[in-house]
Amino acid sequence: MNQHEDADLPQGPYKLRLFITGSTPRSTRAIENMRRICAENLEGRFDLEVVDVYQNPEATKELQIIATPTLVKILPEPLRRIIGDLSDRERVLAGLDLAPLGENDQAHP
């Protein structure tokens, strides 16, 4: 009954929260990049919530958000944070456990 024999990638639903600051170009890019990545890699298995920290500053406390844009992968565990406009597709996929880290990926630029 092992459905994951061909891959070690998580198969369950993804709960993602993207923290942005208003409608800045960087925030807009992060939303567009994340929607594209989800559509291409998680079709039908994700819940992406976009949180504008200007409109909901309290939301940053629970997950200790100190920079934006920040994507938080809540489910499947473990919880992960990816900071930036999410333009580095390979880094985002690795952070979501959808691809292995490549040799050019580093913890933080």
C-alpha atoms as a PDB file:
ATOM      1  CA  MET A   1       0.000   0.000   0.000  1.00  0.00           C
ATOM      2  CA  ASN A   2       2.991   2.275  -0.557  1.00  0.00           C
ATOM      3  CA  GLN A   3       1.924   4.969  -3.015  1.00  0.00           C
ATOM      4  CA  HIS A   4       5.303   6.718  -2.886  1.00  0.00           C
ATOM      5  CA  GLU A   5       7.552   3.999  -4.297  1.00  0.00           C
ATOM      6  CA  ASP A   6       8.565   6.026  -7.350  1.00  0.00           C
ATOM      7  CA  ALA A   7       9.264   9.281  -5.518  1.00  0.00           C
ATOM      8  CA  ASP A   8      10.110  10.602  -2.092  1.00  0.00           C
ATOM      9  CA  LEU A   9       8.137  13.777  -2.780  1.00  0.00           C
ATOM     10  CA  PRO A  10       5.183  14.691  -0.563  1.00  0.00           C
ATOM     11  CA  GLN A  11       1.870  13.846  -2.213  1.00  0.00           C
ATOM     12  CA  GLY A  12      -0.619  15.408   0.203  1.00  0.00           C
ATOM     13  CA  PRO A  13      -2.163  18.857   0.147  1.00  0.00           C
ATOM     14  CA  TYR A  14       0.081  21.873   0.609  1.00  0.00           C
ATOM     15  CA  LYS A  15      -0.902  24.726   2.895  1.00  0.00           C
ATOM     16  CA  LEU A  16       1.086  27.807   1.929  1.00  0.00           C
ATOM     17  CA  ARG A  17       1.018  31.343   3.263  1.00  0.00           C
ATOM     18  CA  LEU A  18       2.690  34.177   1.362  1.00  0.00           C
ATOM     19  CA  PHE A  19       3.396  37.331   3.361  1.00  0.00           C
ATOM     20  CA  ILE A  20       3.688  40.529   1.299  1.00  0.00           C
ATOM     21  CA  THR A  21       3.772  44.276   1.919  1.00  0.00           C
ATOM     22  CA  GLY A  22       1.132  46.055  -0.131  1.00  0.00           C
ATOM     23  CA  SER A  23       1.052  46.062  -3.913  1.00  0.00           C
ATOM     24  CA  THR A  24       4.737  46.774  -4.496  1.00  0.00           C
ATOM     25  CA  PRO A  25       6.437  45.380  -7.618  1.00  0.00           C
ATOM     26  CA  ARG A  26       8.334  42.876  -5.417  1.00  0.00           C
ATOM     27  CA  SER A  27       5.091  41.690  -3.778  1.00  0.00           C
ATOM     28  CA  THR A  28       3.348  41.412  -7.151  1.00  0.00           C
ATOM     29  CA  ARG A  29       6.265  39.368  -8.558  1.00  0.00           C
ATOM     30  CA  ALA A  30       6.206  37.039  -5.553  1.00  0.00           C
ATOM     31  CA  ILE A  31       2.463  36.391  -5.964  1.00  0.00           C
ATOM     32  CA  GLU A  32       2.790  35.783  -9.716  1.00  0.00           C
ATOM     33  CA  ASN A  33       5.810  33.501  -9.265  1.00  0.00           C
ATOM     34  CA  MET A  34       4.116  31.474  -6.537  1.00  0.00           C
ATOM     35  CA  ARG A  35       0.856  31.082  -8.444  1.00  0.00           C
ATOM     36  CA  ARG A  36       2.789  29.869 -11.494  1.00  0.00           C
ATOM     37  CA  ILE A  37       4.867  27.404  -9.457  1.00  0.00           C
ATOM     38  CA  CYS A  38       1.756  26.051  -7.721  1.00  0.00           C
ATOM     39  CA  ALA A  39      -0.150  25.706 -11.008  1.00  0.00           C
ATOM     40  CA  GLU A  40       2.749  23.839 -12.628  1.00  0.00           C
ATOM     41  CA  ASN A  41       3.706  21.589  -9.687  1.00  0.00           C
ATOM     42  CA  LEU A  42       0.817  21.337  -7.230  1.00  0.00           C
ATOM     43  CA  GLU A  43      -2.297  21.477  -9.395  1.00  0.00           C
ATOM     44  CA  GLY A  44      -5.322  20.700  -7.244  1.00  0.00           C
ATOM     45  CA  ARG A  45      -3.281  20.012  -4.107  1.00  0.00           C
ATOM     46  CA  PHE A  46      -2.545  23.399  -2.611  1.00  0.00           C
ATOM     47  CA  ASP A  47      -4.095  26.190  -0.585  1.00  0.00           C
ATOM     48  CA  LEU A  48      -2.223  29.469  -1.092  1.00  0.00           C
ATOM     49  CA  GLU A  49      -3.157  32.288   1.260  1.00  0.00           C
ATOM     50  CA  VAL A  50      -1.726  35.742   0.541  1.00  0.00           C
ATOM     51  CA  VAL A  51      -1.381  37.948   3.631  1.00  0.00           C
ATOM     52  CA  ASP A  52      -0.684  41.670   3.283  1.00  0.00           C
ATOM     53  CA  VAL A  53       1.169  42.581   6.471  1.00  0.00           C
ATOM     54  CA  TYR A  54       0.048  46.205   6.138  1.00  0.00           C
ATOM     55  CA  GLN A  55      -3.585  45.096   6.381  1.00  0.00           C
ATOM     56  CA  ASN A  56      -2.991  42.275   8.886  1.00  0.00           C
ATOM     57  CA  PRO A  57       0.148  42.984  10.967  1.00  0.00           C
ATOM     58  CA  GLU A  58      -0.932  40.526  13.674  1.00  0.00           C
ATOM     59  CA  ALA A  59      -0.525  37.628  11.218  1.00  0.00           C
ATOM     60  CA  THR A  60       3.252  38.023  11.269  1.00  0.00           C
ATOM     61  CA  LYS A  61       3.593  37.235  14.968  1.00  0.00           C
ATOM     62  CA  GLU A  62       2.507  33.596  14.959  1.00  0.00           C
ATOM     63  CA  LEU A  63       5.019  32.579  12.287  1.00  0.00           C
ATOM     64  CA  GLN A  64       7.642  35.175  13.293  1.00  0.00           C
ATOM     65  CA  ILE A  65       7.810  36.885   9.898  1.00  0.00           C
ATOM     66  CA  ILE A  66      10.569  39.512   9.841  1.00  0.00           C
ATOM     67  CA  ALA A  67      10.958  40.135   6.092  1.00  0.00           C
ATOM     68  CA  THR A  68       8.694  40.209   3.056  1.00  0.00           C
ATOM     69  CA  PRO A  69       7.928  38.665   0.744  1.00  0.00           C
ATOM     70  CA  THR A  70       8.128  35.418   2.717  1.00  0.00           C
ATOM     71  CA  LEU A  71       6.508  32.146   1.748  1.00  0.00           C
ATOM     72  CA  VAL A  72       5.727  29.763   4.593  1.00  0.00           C
ATOM     73  CA  LYS A  73       5.054  26.107   3.862  1.00  0.00           C
ATOM     74  CA  ILE A  74       2.830  25.056   6.750  1.00  0.00           C
ATOM     75  CA  LEU A  75       1.848  21.627   5.420  1.00  0.00           C
ATOM     76  CA  PRO A  76       3.175  19.112   4.774  1.00  0.00           C
ATOM     77  CA  GLU A  77       5.596  19.339   7.650  1.00  0.00           C
ATOM     78  CA  PRO A  78       8.275  20.393   8.315  1.00  0.00           C
ATOM     79  CA  LEU A  79       7.435  24.081   8.299  1.00  0.00           C
ATOM     80  CA  ARG A  80       9.703  25.995   5.919  1.00  0.00           C
ATOM     81  CA  ARG A  81      10.247  29.670   5.090  1.00  0.00           C
ATOM     82  CA  ILE A  82      11.437  31.028   1.759  1.00  0.00           C
ATOM     83  CA  ILE A  83      12.308  34.722   1.682  1.00  0.00           C
ATOM     84  CA  GLY A  84      12.347  36.806  -1.493  1.00  0.00           C
ATOM     85  CA  ASP A  85      10.290  37.338  -4.642  1.00  0.00           C
ATOM     86  CA  LEU A  86      10.329  33.576  -5.383  1.00  0.00           C
ATOM     87  CA  SER A  87      11.936  34.108  -8.794  1.00  0.00           C
ATOM     88  CA  ASP A  88      14.484  31.325  -8.194  1.00  0.00           C
ATOM     89  CA  ARG A  89      12.176  28.477  -9.180  1.00  0.00           C
ATOM     90  CA  GLU A  90      14.602  25.678  -8.239  1.00  0.00           C
ATOM     91  CA  ARG A  91      15.148  27.150  -4.770  1.00  0.00           C
ATOM     92  CA  VAL A  92      11.386  27.447  -4.223  1.00  0.00           C
ATOM     93  CA  LEU A  93      10.781  23.857  -5.376  1.00  0.00           C
ATOM     94  CA  ALA A  94      13.544  22.626  -3.065  1.00  0.00           C
ATOM     95  CA  GLY A  95      12.038  24.615  -0.176  1.00  0.00           C
ATOM     96  CA  LEU A  96       8.685  22.982  -0.868  1.00  0.00           C
ATOM     97  CA  ASP A  97      10.348  19.534  -0.998  1.00  0.00           C
ATOM     98  CA  LEU A  98       9.358  19.196  -4.645  1.00  0.00           C
ATOM     99  CA  ALA A  99      12.920  18.976  -5.979  1.00  0.00           C
ATOM    100  CA  PRO A 100      16.379  18.301  -4.565  1.00  0.00           C
ATOM    101  CA  LEU A 101      18.699  21.214  -3.907  1.00  0.00           C
ATOM    102  CA  GLY A 102      21.059  21.802  -6.816  1.00  0.00           C
ATOM    103  CA  GLU A 103      24.735  22.541  -6.524  1.00  0.00           C
ATOM    104  CA  ASN A 104      24.143  26.284  -7.067  1.00  0.00           C
ATOM    105  CA  ASP A 105      21.573  26.615  -4.273  1.00  0.00           C
ATOM    106  CA  GLN A 106      22.664  28.209  -1.039  1.00  0.00           C
ATOM    107  CA  ALA A 107      20.893  28.820   2.261  1.00  0.00           C
ATOM    108  CA  HIS A 108      20.490  32.590   1.852  1.00  0.00           C
ATOM    109  CA  PRO A 109      21.988  35.010  -0.663  1.00  0.00           C
END
